[in-house]
Amino acid sequence: MMKCLVAIHHPDDYDPSIAEDEAMSRDIDALNDEMEAAGVRIFVGGLHPASSAKSLRAQPNGEVLITDGPYLETKEHVGGFWVLETADLDEALAWGRKAAVACRAPVEVRPFH
């Protein structure tokens, strides 16, 4: 068995109140139910917008600098994710395909070490 991250990417200006309708919510709920029934879902979580992030960087003097905003300035950010335990990468990719359809967003599947 392998553990993997299935991450949903949203554009920087993503507004769930506009982008997410009842059909999308039903599709995501159904996917969560399917993952749970299959016994692959370990954890699932949605994230606040990237603008709410805090970035921490160790400084040469041993202090840690905390700044507002995400670490990287990009056009897309992780908006939510699942941690799954699957038989192999092919199974993880099958769940990733379902996530891309349900969330109507790009998905990244990445195995843990």
PDB file of N, CA and C in Angstrom:
ATOM      1  N   MET A   1       0.840  -1.185   0.000  1.00  0.00           N
ATOM      2  CA  MET A   1       0.000   0.000   0.000  1.00  0.00           C
ATOM      3  C   MET A   1       0.884   1.246   0.000  1.00  0.00           C
ATOM      4  N   MET A   2       0.415   2.270  -0.630  1.00  0.00           N
ATOM      5  CA  MET A   2       1.140   3.538  -0.652  1.00  0.00           C
ATOM      6  C   MET A   2       0.215   4.658  -0.207  1.00  0.00           C
ATOM      7  N   LYS A   3       0.798   5.650   0.426  1.00  0.00           N
ATOM      8  CA  LYS A   3       0.046   6.845   0.808  1.00  0.00           C
ATOM      9  C   LYS A   3       0.371   7.928  -0.208  1.00  0.00           C
ATOM     10  N   CYS A   4      -0.648   8.706  -0.573  1.00  0.00           N
ATOM     11  CA  CYS A   4      -0.428   9.771  -1.542  1.00  0.00           C
ATOM     12  C   CYS A   4      -1.298  10.973  -1.204  1.00  0.00           C
ATOM     13  N   LEU A   5      -0.880  12.088  -1.747  1.00  0.00           N
ATOM     14  CA  LEU A   5      -1.607  13.344  -1.634  1.00  0.00           C
ATOM     15  C   LEU A   5      -2.333  13.583  -2.949  1.00  0.00           C
ATOM     16  N   VAL A   6      -3.611  13.911  -2.872  1.00  0.00           N
ATOM     17  CA  VAL A   6      -4.384  14.332  -4.034  1.00  0.00           C
ATOM     18  C   VAL A   6      -4.768  15.781  -3.738  1.00  0.00           C
ATOM     19  N   ALA A   7      -4.097  16.719  -4.402  1.00  0.00           N
ATOM     20  CA  ALA A   7      -4.260  18.141  -4.115  1.00  0.00           C
ATOM     21  C   ALA A   7      -5.056  18.831  -5.221  1.00  0.00           C
ATOM     22  N   ILE A   8      -6.004  19.653  -4.806  1.00  0.00           N
ATOM     23  CA  ILE A   8      -6.833  20.429  -5.726  1.00  0.00           C
ATOM     24  C   ILE A   8      -6.211  21.818  -5.858  1.00  0.00           C
ATOM     25  N   HIS A   9      -6.038  22.293  -7.080  1.00  0.00           N
ATOM     26  CA  HIS A   9      -5.447  23.616  -7.309  1.00  0.00           C
ATOM     27  C   HIS A   9      -6.522  24.602  -7.757  1.00  0.00           C
ATOM     28  N   HIS A  10      -6.519  25.756  -7.119  1.00  0.00           N
ATOM     29  CA  HIS A  10      -7.455  26.822  -7.469  1.00  0.00           C
ATOM     30  C   HIS A  10      -6.683  28.035  -7.966  1.00  0.00           C
ATOM     31  N   PRO A  11      -7.277  28.832  -8.846  1.00  0.00           N
ATOM     32  CA  PRO A  11      -6.624  30.074  -9.254  1.00  0.00           C
ATOM     33  C   PRO A  11      -6.494  31.010  -8.055  1.00  0.00           C
ATOM     34  N   ASP A  12      -5.562  31.916  -8.133  1.00  0.00           N
ATOM     35  CA  ASP A  12      -5.271  32.825  -7.027  1.00  0.00           C
ATOM     36  C   ASP A  12      -6.505  33.611  -6.584  1.00  0.00           C
ATOM     37  N   ASP A  13      -7.385  33.944  -7.516  1.00  0.00           N
ATOM     38  CA  ASP A  13      -8.566  34.754  -7.182  1.00  0.00           C
ATOM     39  C   ASP A  13      -9.820  33.893  -6.956  1.00  0.00           C
ATOM     40  N   TYR A  14      -9.646  32.631  -6.611  1.00  0.00           N
ATOM     41  CA  TYR A  14     -10.761  31.697  -6.451  1.00  0.00           C
ATOM     42  C   TYR A  14     -11.707  32.152  -5.350  1.00  0.00           C
ATOM     43  N   ASP A  15     -12.986  32.201  -5.682  1.00  0.00           N
ATOM     44  CA  ASP A  15     -14.019  32.571  -4.715  1.00  0.00           C
ATOM     45  C   ASP A  15     -15.037  31.438  -4.661  1.00  0.00           C
ATOM     46  N   PRO A  16     -15.010  30.616  -3.593  1.00  0.00           N
ATOM     47  CA  PRO A  16     -15.924  29.476  -3.536  1.00  0.00           C
ATOM     48  C   PRO A  16     -17.397  29.878  -3.592  1.00  0.00           C
ATOM     49  N   SER A  17     -17.740  31.070  -3.113  1.00  0.00           N
ATOM     50  CA  SER A  17     -19.142  31.486  -3.133  1.00  0.00           C
ATOM     51  C   SER A  17     -19.641  31.684  -4.563  1.00  0.00           C
ATOM     52  N   ILE A  18     -18.730  31.907  -5.487  1.00  0.00           N
ATOM     53  CA  ILE A  18     -19.092  32.066  -6.895  1.00  0.00           C
ATOM     54  C   ILE A  18     -18.878  30.759  -7.665  1.00  0.00           C
ATOM     55  N   ALA A  19     -17.743  30.108  -7.422  1.00  0.00           N
ATOM     56  CA  ALA A  19     -17.336  28.952  -8.221  1.00  0.00           C
ATOM     57  C   ALA A  19     -18.028  27.648  -7.830  1.00  0.00           C
ATOM     58  N   GLU A  20     -18.425  27.522  -6.585  1.00  0.00           N
ATOM     59  CA  GLU A  20     -18.965  26.251  -6.111  1.00  0.00           C
ATOM     60  C   GLU A  20     -20.485  26.323  -5.979  1.00  0.00           C
ATOM     61  N   ASP A  21     -21.158  25.492  -6.771  1.00  0.00           N
ATOM     62  CA  ASP A  21     -22.619  25.438  -6.703  1.00  0.00           C
ATOM     63  C   ASP A  21     -23.052  24.152  -6.002  1.00  0.00           C
ATOM     64  N   GLU A  22     -24.366  23.956  -5.895  1.00  0.00           N
ATOM     65  CA  GLU A  22     -24.893  22.781  -5.204  1.00  0.00           C
ATOM     66  C   GLU A  22     -24.481  21.484  -5.890  1.00  0.00           C
ATOM     67  N   ALA A  23     -24.453  21.477  -7.215  1.00  0.00           N
ATOM     68  CA  ALA A  23     -24.065  20.268  -7.955  1.00  0.00           C
ATOM     69  C   ALA A  23     -22.628  19.879  -7.639  1.00  0.00           C
ATOM     70  N   MET A  24     -21.751  20.861  -7.587  1.00  0.00           N
ATOM     71  CA  MET A  24     -20.354  20.594  -7.272  1.00  0.00           C
ATOM     72  C   MET A  24     -20.229  20.059  -5.847  1.00  0.00           C
ATOM     73  N   SER A  25     -20.931  20.654  -4.913  1.00  0.00           N
ATOM     74  CA  SER A  25     -20.899  20.179  -3.527  1.00  0.00           C
ATOM     75  C   SER A  25     -21.388  18.745  -3.429  1.00  0.00           C
ATOM     76  N   ARG A  26     -22.448  18.417  -4.154  1.00  0.00           N
ATOM     77  CA  ARG A  26     -22.960  17.040  -4.160  1.00  0.00           C
ATOM     78  C   ARG A  26     -21.923  16.086  -4.738  1.00  0.00           C
ATOM     79  N   ASP A  27     -21.260  16.502  -5.824  1.00  0.00           N
ATOM     80  CA  ASP A  27     -20.246  15.645  -6.453  1.00  0.00           C
ATOM     81  C   ASP A  27     -19.070  15.393  -5.508  1.00  0.00           C
ATOM     82  N   ILE A  28     -18.641  16.422  -4.801  1.00  0.00           N
ATOM     83  CA  ILE A  28     -17.526  16.266  -3.861  1.00  0.00           C
ATOM     84  C   ILE A  28     -17.951  15.392  -2.683  1.00  0.00           C
ATOM     85  N   ASP A  29     -19.167  15.604  -2.173  1.00  0.00           N
ATOM     86  CA  ASP A  29     -19.666  14.755  -1.082  1.00  0.00           C
ATOM     87  C   ASP A  29     -19.743  13.296  -1.524  1.00  0.00           C
ATOM     88  N   ALA A  30     -20.220  13.058  -2.746  1.00  0.00           N
ATOM     89  CA  ALA A  30     -20.319  11.688  -3.265  1.00  0.00           C
ATOM     90  C   ALA A  30     -18.932  11.065  -3.398  1.00  0.00           C
ATOM     91  N   LEU A  31     -17.958  11.850  -3.861  1.00  0.00           N
ATOM     92  CA  LEU A  31     -16.592  11.341  -3.975  1.00  0.00           C
ATOM     93  C   LEU A  31     -16.033  11.006  -2.602  1.00  0.00           C
ATOM     94  N   ASN A  32     -16.262  11.872  -1.617  1.00  0.00           N
ATOM     95  CA  ASN A  32     -15.806  11.580  -0.249  1.00  0.00           C
ATOM     96  C   ASN A  32     -16.439  10.290   0.265  1.00  0.00           C
ATOM     97  N   ASP A  33     -17.731  10.121   0.028  1.00  0.00           N
ATOM     98  CA  ASP A  33     -18.418   8.900   0.455  1.00  0.00           C
ATOM     99  C   ASP A  33     -17.827   7.668  -0.238  1.00  0.00           C
ATOM    100  N   GLU A  34     -17.549   7.796  -1.535  1.00  0.00           N
ATOM    101  CA  GLU A  34     -16.982   6.683  -2.295  1.00  0.00           C
ATOM    102  C   GLU A  34     -15.580   6.326  -1.787  1.00  0.00           C
ATOM    103  N   MET A  35     -14.769   7.340  -1.515  1.00  0.00           N
ATOM    104  CA  MET A  35     -13.422   7.095  -0.982  1.00  0.00           C
ATOM    105  C   MET A  35     -13.489   6.411   0.383  1.00  0.00           C
ATOM    106  N   GLU A  36     -14.415   6.889   1.216  1.00  0.00           N
ATOM    107  CA  GLU A  36     -14.566   6.304   2.549  1.00  0.00           C
ATOM    108  C   GLU A  36     -15.040   4.848   2.452  1.00  0.00           C
ATOM    109  N   ALA A  37     -16.010   4.584   1.576  1.00  0.00           N
ATOM    110  CA  ALA A  37     -16.514   3.221   1.405  1.00  0.00           C
ATOM    111  C   ALA A  37     -15.437   2.283   0.873  1.00  0.00           C
ATOM    112  N   ALA A  38     -14.553   2.809   0.024  1.00  0.00           N
ATOM    113  CA  ALA A  38     -13.459   2.002  -0.536  1.00  0.00           C
ATOM    114  C   ALA A  38     -12.332   1.806   0.472  1.00  0.00           C
ATOM    115  N   GLY A  39     -12.359   2.561   1.567  1.00  0.00           N
ATOM    116  CA  GLY A  39     -11.334   2.422   2.594  1.00  0.00           C
ATOM    117  C   GLY A  39     -10.002   3.056   2.243  1.00  0.00           C
ATOM    118  N   VAL A  40     -10.003   4.013   1.303  1.00  0.00           N
ATOM    119  CA  VAL A  40      -8.738   4.642   0.894  1.00  0.00           C
ATOM    120  C   VAL A  40      -8.501   5.998   1.550  1.00  0.00           C
ATOM    121  N   ARG A  41      -9.551   6.639   2.016  1.00  0.00           N
ATOM    122  CA  ARG A  41      -9.422   7.999   2.544  1.00  0.00           C
ATOM    123  C   ARG A  41      -8.889   7.984   3.969  1.00  0.00           C
ATOM    124  N   ILE A  42      -7.754   8.664   4.156  1.00  0.00           N
ATOM    125  CA  ILE A  42      -7.162   8.814   5.489  1.00  0.00           C
ATOM    126  C   ILE A  42      -7.562  10.163   6.075  1.00  0.00           C
ATOM    127  N   PHE A  43      -7.491  11.208   5.256  1.00  0.00           N
ATOM    128  CA  PHE A  43      -7.792  12.560   5.718  1.00  0.00           C
ATOM    129  C   PHE A  43      -8.184  13.402   4.521  1.00  0.00           C
ATOM    130  N   VAL A  44      -9.083  14.355   4.746  1.00  0.00           N
ATOM    131  CA  VAL A  44      -9.479  15.296   3.704  1.00  0.00           C
ATOM    132  C   VAL A  44      -9.584  16.673   4.350  1.00  0.00           C
ATOM    133  N   GLY A  45      -9.216  17.711   3.613  1.00  0.00           N
ATOM    134  CA  GLY A  45      -9.327  19.053   4.163  1.00  0.00           C
ATOM    135  C   GLY A  45      -9.338  20.110   3.080  1.00  0.00           C
ATOM    136  N   GLY A  46     -10.155  21.117   3.297  1.00  0.00           N
ATOM    137  CA  GLY A  46     -10.158  22.301   2.440  1.00  0.00           C
ATOM    138  C   GLY A  46      -9.352  23.385   3.121  1.00  0.00           C
ATOM    139  N   LEU A  47      -8.750  24.244   2.342  1.00  0.00           N
ATOM    140  CA  LEU A  47      -7.902  25.292   2.884  1.00  0.00           C
ATOM    141  C   LEU A  47      -8.506  26.672   2.643  1.00  0.00           C
ATOM    142  N   HIS A  48      -8.228  27.595   3.557  1.00  0.00           N
ATOM    143  CA  HIS A  48      -8.588  28.992   3.344  1.00  0.00           C
ATOM    144  C   HIS A  48      -7.756  29.523   2.181  1.00  0.00           C
ATOM    145  N   PRO A  49      -8.124  30.663   1.607  1.00  0.00           N
ATOM    146  CA  PRO A  49      -7.367  31.218   0.478  1.00  0.00           C
ATOM    147  C   PRO A  49      -5.885  31.411   0.821  1.00  0.00           C
ATOM    148  N   ALA A  50      -5.059  31.359  -0.213  1.00  0.00           N
ATOM    149  CA  ALA A  50      -3.610  31.519  -0.035  1.00  0.00           C
ATOM    150  C   ALA A  50      -3.263  32.845   0.642  1.00  0.00           C
ATOM    151  N   SER A  51      -4.122  33.844   0.482  1.00  0.00           N
ATOM    152  CA  SER A  51      -3.861  35.147   1.107  1.00  0.00           C
ATOM    153  C   SER A  51      -3.860  35.052   2.629  1.00  0.00           C
ATOM    154  N   SER A  52      -4.438  33.999   3.194  1.00  0.00           N
ATOM    155  CA  SER A  52      -4.451  33.837   4.652  1.00  0.00           C
ATOM    156  C   SER A  52      -3.225  33.100   5.174  1.00  0.00           C
ATOM    157  N   ALA A  53      -2.354  32.658   4.266  1.00  0.00           N
ATOM    158  CA  ALA A  53      -1.162  31.892   4.660  1.00  0.00           C
ATOM    159  C   ALA A  53      -0.137  32.786   5.360  1.00  0.00           C
ATOM    160  N   LYS A  54       0.687  32.156   6.156  1.00  0.00           N
ATOM    161  CA  LYS A  54       1.858  32.787   6.771  1.00  0.00           C
ATOM    162  C   LYS A  54       3.068  31.966   6.335  1.00  0.00           C
ATOM    163  N   SER A  55       4.116  32.625   5.891  1.00  0.00           N
ATOM    164  CA  SER A  55       5.347  31.952   5.478  1.00  0.00           C
ATOM    165  C   SER A  55       6.420  32.188   6.520  1.00  0.00           C
ATOM    166  N   LEU A  56       7.114  31.136   6.879  1.00  0.00           N
ATOM    167  CA  LEU A  56       8.173  31.216   7.887  1.00  0.00           C
ATOM    168  C   LEU A  56       9.504  30.839   7.254  1.00  0.00           C
ATOM    169  N   ARG A  57      10.529  31.670   7.508  1.00  0.00           N
ATOM    170  CA  ARG A  57      11.855  31.428   6.947  1.00  0.00           C
ATOM    171  C   ARG A  57      12.899  31.605   8.039  1.00  0.00           C
ATOM    172  N   ALA A  58      13.737  30.584   8.172  1.00  0.00           N
ATOM    173  CA  ALA A  58      14.838  30.682   9.133  1.00  0.00           C
ATOM    174  C   ALA A  58      15.856  31.691   8.607  1.00  0.00           C
ATOM    175  N   GLN A  59      16.348  32.536   9.500  1.00  0.00           N
ATOM    176  CA  GLN A  59      17.327  33.568   9.155  1.00  0.00           C
ATOM    177  C   GLN A  59      18.717  33.121   9.637  1.00  0.00           C
ATOM    178  N   PRO A  60      19.780  33.672   9.049  1.00  0.00           N
ATOM    179  CA  PRO A  60      21.142  33.291   9.446  1.00  0.00           C
ATOM    180  C   PRO A  60      21.421  33.499  10.938  1.00  0.00           C
ATOM    181  N   ASN A  61      20.740  34.462  11.573  1.00  0.00           N
ATOM    182  CA  ASN A  61      20.985  34.740  12.992  1.00  0.00           C
ATOM    183  C   ASN A  61      20.180  33.826  13.921  1.00  0.00           C
ATOM    184  N   GLY A  62      19.471  32.831  13.338  1.00  0.00           N
ATOM    185  CA  GLY A  62      18.697  31.905  14.150  1.00  0.00           C
ATOM    186  C   GLY A  62      17.257  32.319  14.363  1.00  0.00           C
ATOM    187  N   GLU A  63      16.922  33.544  14.035  1.00  0.00           N
ATOM    188  CA  GLU A  63      15.528  34.010  14.152  1.00  0.00           C
ATOM    189  C   GLU A  63      14.704  33.397  13.021  1.00  0.00           C
ATOM    190  N   VAL A  64      13.395  33.429  13.175  1.00  0.00           N
ATOM    191  CA  VAL A  64      12.490  32.975  12.127  1.00  0.00           C
ATOM    192  C   VAL A  64      11.629  34.162  11.714  1.00  0.00           C
ATOM    193  N   LEU A  65      11.701  34.506  10.446  1.00  0.00           N
ATOM    194  CA  LEU A  65      10.939  35.612   9.888  1.00  0.00           C
ATOM    195  C   LEU A  65       9.574  35.089   9.443  1.00  0.00           C
ATOM    196  N   ILE A  66       8.502  35.735   9.905  1.00  0.00           N
ATOM    197  CA  ILE A  66       7.142  35.366   9.515  1.00  0.00           C
ATOM    198  C   ILE A  66       6.590  36.493   8.653  1.00  0.00           C
ATOM    199  N   THR A  67       6.132  36.125   7.458  1.00  0.00           N
ATOM    200  CA  THR A  67       5.541  37.115   6.554  1.00  0.00           C
ATOM    201  C   THR A  67       4.138  36.678   6.167  1.00  0.00           C
ATOM    202  N   ASP A  68       3.306  37.642   5.797  1.00  0.00           N
ATOM    203  CA  ASP A  68       1.954  37.349   5.343  1.00  0.00           C
ATOM    204  C   ASP A  68       1.992  36.824   3.921  1.00  0.00           C
ATOM    205  N   GLY A  69       1.137  35.869   3.644  1.00  0.00           N
ATOM    206  CA  GLY A  69       0.988  35.361   2.285  1.00  0.00           C
ATOM    207  C   GLY A  69       1.708  34.046   2.072  1.00  0.00           C
ATOM    208  N   PRO A  70       1.444  33.434   0.917  1.00  0.00           N
ATOM    209  CA  PRO A  70       2.046  32.138   0.615  1.00  0.00           C
ATOM    210  C   PRO A  70       3.540  32.263   0.349  1.00  0.00           C
ATOM    211  N   TYR A  71       4.222  31.149   0.433  1.00  0.00           N
ATOM    212  CA  TYR A  71       5.662  31.121   0.195  1.00  0.00           C
ATOM    213  C   TYR A  71       5.980  31.491  -1.245  1.00  0.00           C
ATOM    214  N   LEU A  72       5.211  30.982  -2.187  1.00  0.00           N
ATOM    215  CA  LEU A  72       5.452  31.239  -3.602  1.00  0.00           C
ATOM    216  C   LEU A  72       4.405  32.185  -4.173  1.00  0.00           C
ATOM    217  N   GLU A  73       4.831  33.071  -5.016  1.00  0.00           N
ATOM    218  CA  GLU A  73       3.909  33.939  -5.756  1.00  0.00           C
ATOM    219  C   GLU A  73       3.564  33.203  -7.049  1.00  0.00           C
ATOM    220  N   THR A  74       2.397  32.597  -7.084  1.00  0.00           N
ATOM    221  CA  THR A  74       1.970  31.842  -8.254  1.00  0.00           C
ATOM    222  C   THR A  74       0.540  32.228  -8.620  1.00  0.00           C
ATOM    223  N   LYS A  75       0.088  31.726  -9.761  1.00  0.00           N
ATOM    224  CA  LYS A  75      -1.277  32.017 -10.199  1.00  0.00           C
ATOM    225  C   LYS A  75      -2.272  31.002  -9.649  1.00  0.00           C
ATOM    226  N   GLU A  76      -1.772  29.867  -9.123  1.00  0.00           N
ATOM    227  CA  GLU A  76      -2.635  28.844  -8.543  1.00  0.00           C
ATOM    228  C   GLU A  76      -2.084  28.417  -7.195  1.00  0.00           C
ATOM    229  N   HIS A  77      -2.971  27.982  -6.324  1.00  0.00           N
ATOM    230  CA  HIS A  77      -2.587  27.530  -5.000  1.00  0.00           C
ATOM    231  C   HIS A  77      -3.392  26.290  -4.646  1.00  0.00           C
ATOM    232  N   VAL A  78      -2.873  25.498  -3.720  1.00  0.00           N
ATOM    233  CA  VAL A  78      -3.622  24.344  -3.238  1.00  0.00           C
ATOM    234  C   VAL A  78      -4.836  24.853  -2.469  1.00  0.00           C
ATOM    235  N   GLY A  79      -6.003  24.380  -2.865  1.00  0.00           N
ATOM    236  CA  GLY A  79      -7.238  24.814  -2.219  1.00  0.00           C
ATOM    237  C   GLY A  79      -7.816  23.767  -1.282  1.00  0.00           C
ATOM    238  N   GLY A  80      -7.385  22.531  -1.446  1.00  0.00           N
ATOM    239  CA  GLY A  80      -7.850  21.442  -0.610  1.00  0.00           C
ATOM    240  C   GLY A  80      -7.113  20.181  -0.998  1.00  0.00           C
ATOM    241  N   PHE A  81      -7.294  19.126  -0.208  1.00  0.00           N
ATOM    242  CA  PHE A  81      -6.538  17.907  -0.484  1.00  0.00           C
ATOM    243  C   PHE A  81      -7.144  16.709   0.217  1.00  0.00           C
ATOM    244  N   TRP A  82      -6.767  15.546  -0.277  1.00  0.00           N
ATOM    245  CA  TRP A  82      -7.044  14.268   0.369  1.00  0.00           C
ATOM    246  C   TRP A  82      -5.711  13.584   0.614  1.00  0.00           C
ATOM    247  N   VAL A  83      -5.601  12.853   1.684  1.00  0.00           N
ATOM    248  CA  VAL A  83      -4.510  11.910   1.889  1.00  0.00           C
ATOM    249  C   VAL A  83      -5.155  10.535   1.767  1.00  0.00           C
ATOM    250  N   LEU A  84      -4.671   9.751   0.802  1.00  0.00           N
ATOM    251  CA  LEU A  84      -5.247   8.443   0.513  1.00  0.00           C
ATOM    252  C   LEU A  84      -4.217   7.346   0.726  1.00  0.00           C
ATOM    253  N   GLU A  85      -4.704   6.149   0.982  1.00  0.00           N
ATOM    254  CA  GLU A  85      -3.849   4.962   0.994  1.00  0.00           C
ATOM    255  C   GLU A  85      -4.385   4.037  -0.084  1.00  0.00           C
ATOM    256  N   THR A  86      -3.583   3.850  -1.127  1.00  0.00           N
ATOM    257  CA  THR A  86      -4.012   3.069  -2.284  1.00  0.00           C
ATOM    258  C   THR A  86      -3.042   1.918  -2.528  1.00  0.00           C
ATOM    259  N   ALA A  87      -3.466   0.985  -3.350  1.00  0.00           N
ATOM    260  CA  ALA A  87      -2.619  -0.168  -3.671  1.00  0.00           C
ATOM    261  C   ALA A  87      -1.386   0.253  -4.457  1.00  0.00           C
ATOM    262  N   ASP A  88      -1.545   1.243  -5.346  1.00  0.00           N
ATOM    263  CA  ASP A  88      -0.431   1.659  -6.193  1.00  0.00           C
ATOM    264  C   ASP A  88      -0.755   3.024  -6.810  1.00  0.00           C
ATOM    265  N   LEU A  89       0.177   3.522  -7.627  1.00  0.00           N
ATOM    266  CA  LEU A  89      -0.004   4.831  -8.248  1.00  0.00           C
ATOM    267  C   LEU A  89      -1.188   4.834  -9.216  1.00  0.00           C
ATOM    268  N   ASP A  90      -1.411   3.737  -9.915  1.00  0.00           N
ATOM    269  CA  ASP A  90      -2.549   3.685 -10.846  1.00  0.00           C
ATOM    270  C   ASP A  90      -3.873   3.915 -10.123  1.00  0.00           C
ATOM    271  N   GLU A  91      -4.034   3.304  -8.949  1.00  0.00           N
ATOM    272  CA  GLU A  91      -5.264   3.516  -8.184  1.00  0.00           C
ATOM    273  C   GLU A  91      -5.354   4.959  -7.709  1.00  0.00           C
ATOM    274  N   ALA A  92      -4.229   5.521  -7.268  1.00  0.00           N
ATOM    275  CA  ALA A  92      -4.213   6.924  -6.827  1.00  0.00           C
ATOM    276  C   ALA A  92      -4.608   7.851  -7.978  1.00  0.00           C
ATOM    277  N   LEU A  93      -4.106   7.569  -9.172  1.00  0.00           N
ATOM    278  CA  LEU A  93      -4.454   8.387 -10.337  1.00  0.00           C
ATOM    279  C   LEU A  93      -5.931   8.250 -10.698  1.00  0.00           C
ATOM    280  N   ALA A  94      -6.503   7.065 -10.502  1.00  0.00           N
ATOM    281  CA  ALA A  94      -7.936   6.882 -10.754  1.00  0.00           C
ATOM    282  C   ALA A  94      -8.747   7.768  -9.819  1.00  0.00           C
ATOM    283  N   TRP A  95      -8.360   7.840  -8.532  1.00  0.00           N
ATOM    284  CA  TRP A  95      -9.045   8.734  -7.591  1.00  0.00           C
ATOM    285  C   TRP A  95      -8.796  10.195  -7.978  1.00  0.00           C
ATOM    286  N   GLY A  96      -7.583  10.510  -8.436  1.00  0.00           N
ATOM    287  CA  GLY A  96      -7.278  11.871  -8.870  1.00  0.00           C
ATOM    288  C   GLY A  96      -8.147  12.310 -10.037  1.00  0.00           C
ATOM    289  N   ARG A  97      -8.401  11.396 -10.971  1.00  0.00           N
ATOM    290  CA  ARG A  97      -9.297  11.715 -12.102  1.00  0.00           C
ATOM    291  C   ARG A  97     -10.696  12.058 -11.594  1.00  0.00           C
ATOM    292  N   LYS A  98     -11.185  11.262 -10.651  1.00  0.00           N
ATOM    293  CA  LYS A  98     -12.510  11.521 -10.083  1.00  0.00           C
ATOM    294  C   LYS A  98     -12.527  12.861  -9.348  1.00  0.00           C
ATOM    295  N   ALA A  99     -11.436  13.186  -8.658  1.00  0.00           N
ATOM    296  CA  ALA A  99     -11.347  14.455  -7.935  1.00  0.00           C
ATOM    297  C   ALA A  99     -11.359  15.634  -8.900  1.00  0.00           C
ATOM    298  N   ALA A 100     -10.646  15.509 -10.017  1.00  0.00           N
ATOM    299  CA  ALA A 100     -10.613  16.594 -11.007  1.00  0.00           C
ATOM    300  C   ALA A 100     -12.011  16.867 -11.565  1.00  0.00           C
ATOM    301  N   VAL A 101     -12.788  15.800 -11.784  1.00  0.00           N
ATOM    302  CA  VAL A 101     -14.149  15.954 -12.300  1.00  0.00           C
ATOM    303  C   VAL A 101     -15.051  16.565 -11.235  1.00  0.00           C
ATOM    304  N   ALA A 102     -15.006  16.021 -10.017  1.00  0.00           N
ATOM    305  CA  ALA A 102     -15.893  16.501  -8.950  1.00  0.00           C
ATOM    306  C   ALA A 102     -15.601  17.948  -8.577  1.00  0.00           C
ATOM    307  N   CYS A 103     -14.322  18.300  -8.514  1.00  0.00           N
ATOM    308  CA  CYS A 103     -13.925  19.643  -8.067  1.00  0.00           C
ATOM    309  C   CYS A 103     -13.849  20.656  -9.199  1.00  0.00           C
ATOM    310  N   ARG A 104     -13.920  20.157 -10.444  1.00  0.00           N
ATOM    311  CA  ARG A 104     -13.845  21.045 -11.600  1.00  0.00           C
ATOM    312  C   ARG A 104     -12.594  21.922 -11.548  1.00  0.00           C
ATOM    313  N   ALA A 105     -11.467  21.265 -11.194  1.00  0.00           N
ATOM    314  CA  ALA A 105     -10.203  21.982 -11.014  1.00  0.00           C
ATOM    315  C   ALA A 105      -9.034  21.040 -11.295  1.00  0.00           C
ATOM    316  N   PRO A 106      -7.873  21.597 -11.593  1.00  0.00           N
ATOM    317  CA  PRO A 106      -6.689  20.752 -11.765  1.00  0.00           C
ATOM    318  C   PRO A 106      -6.342  20.029 -10.463  1.00  0.00           C
ATOM    319  N   VAL A 107      -5.801  18.832 -10.612  1.00  0.00           N
ATOM    320  CA  VAL A 107      -5.451  17.994  -9.459  1.00  0.00           C
ATOM    321  C   VAL A 107      -4.018  17.518  -9.620  1.00  0.00           C
ATOM    322  N   GLU A 108      -3.314  17.452  -8.503  1.00  0.00           N
ATOM    323  CA  GLU A 108      -1.968  16.886  -8.475  1.00  0.00           C
ATOM    324  C   GLU A 108      -1.996  15.660  -7.568  1.00  0.00           C
ATOM    325  N   VAL A 109      -1.440  14.553  -8.062  1.00  0.00           N
ATOM    326  CA  VAL A 109      -1.311  13.341  -7.259  1.00  0.00           C
ATOM    327  C   VAL A 109       0.179  13.134  -7.008  1.00  0.00           C
ATOM    328  N   ARG A 110       0.527  13.004  -5.725  1.00  0.00           N
ATOM    329  CA  ARG A 110       1.937  12.839  -5.389  1.00  0.00           C
ATOM    330  C   ARG A 110       2.093  11.854  -4.228  1.00  0.00           C
ATOM    331  N   PRO A 111       2.908  10.800  -4.428  1.00  0.00           N
ATOM    332  CA  PRO A 111       3.140   9.823  -3.368  1.00  0.00           C
ATOM    333  C   PRO A 111       3.980  10.418  -2.224  1.00  0.00           C
ATOM    334  N   PHE A 112       3.737   9.914  -1.023  1.00  0.00           N
ATOM    335  CA  PHE A 112       4.589  10.235   0.118  1.00  0.00           C
ATOM    336  C   PHE A 112       5.813   9.323   0.084  1.00  0.00           C
ATOM    337  N   HIS A 113       6.893   9.756   0.715  1.00  0.00           N
ATOM    338  CA  HIS A 113       8.086   8.895   0.861  1.00  0.00           C
ATOM    339  C   HIS A 113       7.769   7.756   1.775  1.00  0.00           C
TER     340      HIS A 113
END
